[in-house]
Amino acid sequence: MKLSNQAVGAMMLALQNSLMEQSDLVPVLRGFVLAPSDDGLVVTNPPVIHFDTQGDWTHDDIGE
């Protein structure tokens, strides 16, 4: 079984957030719910990032 592009993207987003906030990545990765698909494993609860109408980051739901 392999990771889908979506799952790799979710992991990269979690890693980037962990590096920026200098926080532990492990709880976020352990919280991922994986499901099989035709493209490989997908994360059914991927991290979410919110932007305002100007395109500026407002907050995220990573690790919640």
N, C-alpha and C. Protein backbone atom coordinates (compact mmCIF):
# COMPACT_ATOMS: atom_id res chain seq x y z
N MET A 1 0.86 -1.17 0.00
CA MET A 1 0.00 0.00 0.00
C MET A 1 0.90 1.23 0.00
N LYS A 2 0.52 2.24 -0.76
CA LYS A 2 1.30 3.47 -0.84
C LYS A 2 0.43 4.66 -0.43
N LEU A 3 1.07 5.78 -0.21
CA LEU A 3 0.35 7.01 0.11
C LEU A 3 -0.10 7.70 -1.17
N SER A 4 -1.28 8.25 -1.17
CA SER A 4 -1.76 9.05 -2.30
C SER A 4 -1.08 10.42 -2.26
N ASN A 5 -1.18 11.15 -3.36
CA ASN A 5 -0.66 12.52 -3.38
C ASN A 5 -1.35 13.38 -2.31
N GLN A 6 -2.62 13.14 -2.07
CA GLN A 6 -3.37 13.88 -1.05
C GLN A 6 -2.78 13.62 0.32
N ALA A 7 -2.46 12.36 0.62
CA ALA A 7 -1.89 12.02 1.94
C ALA A 7 -0.50 12.63 2.11
N VAL A 8 0.30 12.60 1.06
CA VAL A 8 1.63 13.22 1.13
C VAL A 8 1.50 14.71 1.36
N GLY A 9 0.55 15.36 0.68
CA GLY A 9 0.31 16.79 0.88
C GLY A 9 -0.12 17.10 2.30
N ALA A 10 -0.98 16.27 2.87
CA ALA A 10 -1.43 16.46 4.25
C ALA A 10 -0.25 16.34 5.22
N MET A 11 0.62 15.38 4.96
CA MET A 11 1.80 15.21 5.82
C MET A 11 2.75 16.40 5.69
N MET A 12 2.94 16.89 4.48
CA MET A 12 3.84 18.02 4.26
C MET A 12 3.29 19.29 4.92
N LEU A 13 1.97 19.49 4.84
CA LEU A 13 1.36 20.65 5.50
C LEU A 13 1.53 20.56 7.01
N ALA A 14 1.33 19.37 7.57
CA ALA A 14 1.51 19.18 9.01
C ALA A 14 2.97 19.42 9.40
N LEU A 15 3.91 18.95 8.58
CA LEU A 15 5.33 19.14 8.87
C LEU A 15 5.69 20.62 8.82
N GLN A 16 5.22 21.32 7.79
CA GLN A 16 5.53 22.74 7.68
C GLN A 16 4.98 23.52 8.88
N ASN A 17 3.76 23.20 9.28
CA ASN A 17 3.17 23.87 10.44
C ASN A 17 3.96 23.56 11.70
N SER A 18 4.38 22.32 11.86
CA SER A 18 5.17 21.92 13.02
C SER A 18 6.49 22.69 13.08
N LEU A 19 7.14 22.84 11.94
CA LEU A 19 8.40 23.58 11.89
C LEU A 19 8.19 25.06 12.22
N MET A 20 7.14 25.65 11.66
CA MET A 20 6.88 27.08 11.90
C MET A 20 6.55 27.35 13.36
N GLU A 21 5.77 26.45 13.97
CA GLU A 21 5.35 26.65 15.36
C GLU A 21 6.30 26.00 16.35
N GLN A 22 7.31 25.30 15.86
CA GLN A 22 8.24 24.55 16.68
C GLN A 22 7.49 23.64 17.65
N SER A 23 6.55 22.88 17.07
CA SER A 23 5.73 21.98 17.87
C SER A 23 5.97 20.53 17.42
N ASP A 24 5.49 19.60 18.21
CA ASP A 24 5.69 18.18 17.95
C ASP A 24 4.78 17.71 16.81
N LEU A 25 5.35 17.08 15.83
CA LEU A 25 4.62 16.58 14.66
C LEU A 25 3.90 15.27 14.96
N VAL A 26 4.42 14.48 15.87
CA VAL A 26 3.92 13.12 16.11
C VAL A 26 2.43 13.09 16.45
N PRO A 27 1.92 13.91 17.36
CA PRO A 27 0.48 13.83 17.65
C PRO A 27 -0.41 14.12 16.44
N VAL A 28 0.04 15.01 15.58
CA VAL A 28 -0.74 15.33 14.38
C VAL A 28 -0.77 14.12 13.45
N LEU A 29 0.40 13.51 13.23
CA LEU A 29 0.44 12.34 12.35
C LEU A 29 -0.36 11.18 12.93
N ARG A 30 -0.27 10.98 14.24
CA ARG A 30 -1.04 9.89 14.88
C ARG A 30 -2.54 10.14 14.81
N GLY A 31 -2.92 11.41 14.72
CA GLY A 31 -4.34 11.75 14.62
C GLY A 31 -4.93 11.57 13.23
N PHE A 32 -4.08 11.39 12.22
CA PHE A 32 -4.59 11.20 10.87
C PHE A 32 -5.37 9.89 10.78
N VAL A 33 -6.52 9.96 10.14
CA VAL A 33 -7.33 8.77 9.86
C VAL A 33 -7.10 8.44 8.39
N LEU A 34 -6.56 7.25 8.13
CA LEU A 34 -6.23 6.84 6.77
C LEU A 34 -7.27 5.87 6.24
N ALA A 35 -7.55 6.00 4.95
CA ALA A 35 -8.50 5.10 4.29
C ALA A 35 -7.94 4.72 2.92
N PRO A 36 -8.19 3.49 2.50
CA PRO A 36 -7.70 3.08 1.18
C PRO A 36 -8.52 3.72 0.07
N SER A 37 -7.86 4.00 -1.05
CA SER A 37 -8.53 4.48 -2.25
C SER A 37 -7.81 3.90 -3.45
N ASP A 38 -8.32 4.16 -4.63
CA ASP A 38 -7.67 3.66 -5.85
C ASP A 38 -6.29 4.27 -6.04
N ASP A 39 -6.07 5.46 -5.47
CA ASP A 39 -4.78 6.16 -5.61
C ASP A 39 -3.81 5.85 -4.48
N GLY A 40 -4.20 5.06 -3.51
CA GLY A 40 -3.39 4.77 -2.33
C GLY A 40 -4.12 5.25 -1.10
N LEU A 41 -3.42 5.28 0.02
CA LEU A 41 -4.04 5.74 1.27
C LEU A 41 -4.32 7.23 1.21
N VAL A 42 -5.49 7.65 1.69
CA VAL A 42 -5.84 9.06 1.79
C VAL A 42 -6.10 9.41 3.25
N VAL A 43 -5.89 10.66 3.60
CA VAL A 43 -6.18 11.16 4.95
C VAL A 43 -7.60 11.69 4.93
N THR A 44 -8.48 11.10 5.75
CA THR A 44 -9.88 11.51 5.74
C THR A 44 -10.13 12.75 6.59
N ASN A 45 -9.16 13.11 7.42
CA ASN A 45 -9.27 14.31 8.27
C ASN A 45 -8.02 15.19 8.09
N PRO A 46 -7.80 15.68 6.86
CA PRO A 46 -6.57 16.44 6.61
C PRO A 46 -6.56 17.78 7.34
N PRO A 47 -5.37 18.36 7.51
CA PRO A 47 -5.28 19.69 8.12
C PRO A 47 -6.04 20.71 7.27
N VAL A 48 -6.61 21.71 7.94
CA VAL A 48 -7.34 22.78 7.25
C VAL A 48 -6.70 24.11 7.60
N ILE A 49 -6.49 24.93 6.59
CA ILE A 49 -5.93 26.27 6.79
C ILE A 49 -6.96 27.27 6.30
N HIS A 50 -7.18 28.34 7.05
CA HIS A 50 -8.19 29.34 6.71
C HIS A 50 -7.52 30.64 6.28
N PHE A 51 -8.08 31.26 5.24
CA PHE A 51 -7.58 32.53 4.73
C PHE A 51 -8.73 33.53 4.70
N ASP A 52 -8.40 34.82 4.84
CA ASP A 52 -9.42 35.85 4.71
C ASP A 52 -9.60 36.20 3.22
N THR A 53 -10.46 37.15 2.94
CA THR A 53 -10.75 37.50 1.54
C THR A 53 -9.55 38.13 0.83
N GLN A 54 -8.58 38.60 1.59
CA GLN A 54 -7.37 39.18 1.00
C GLN A 54 -6.31 38.12 0.72
N GLY A 55 -6.58 36.87 1.12
CA GLY A 55 -5.62 35.80 0.91
C GLY A 55 -4.61 35.66 2.03
N ASP A 56 -4.85 36.33 3.16
CA ASP A 56 -3.96 36.25 4.31
C ASP A 56 -4.41 35.12 5.23
N TRP A 57 -3.41 34.36 5.75
CA TRP A 57 -3.69 33.26 6.67
C TRP A 57 -4.32 33.82 7.93
N THR A 58 -5.38 33.19 8.41
CA THR A 58 -6.03 33.64 9.64
C THR A 58 -5.82 32.64 10.78
N HIS A 59 -6.02 31.36 10.51
CA HIS A 59 -5.78 30.33 11.52
C HIS A 59 -5.82 28.96 10.84
N ASP A 60 -5.49 27.93 11.60
CA ASP A 60 -5.55 26.57 11.06
C ASP A 60 -6.18 25.64 12.08
N ASP A 61 -6.54 24.47 11.59
CA ASP A 61 -7.14 23.43 12.42
C ASP A 61 -6.18 22.25 12.56
N ILE A 62 -4.88 22.50 12.42
CA ILE A 62 -3.91 21.43 12.48
C ILE A 62 -3.69 21.03 13.94
N GLY A 63 -3.84 19.76 14.21
CA GLY A 63 -3.58 19.25 15.55
C GLY A 63 -4.72 19.44 16.52
N GLU A 64 -5.87 19.85 16.03
CA GLU A 64 -7.02 20.04 16.93
C GLU A 64 -7.86 18.80 16.99
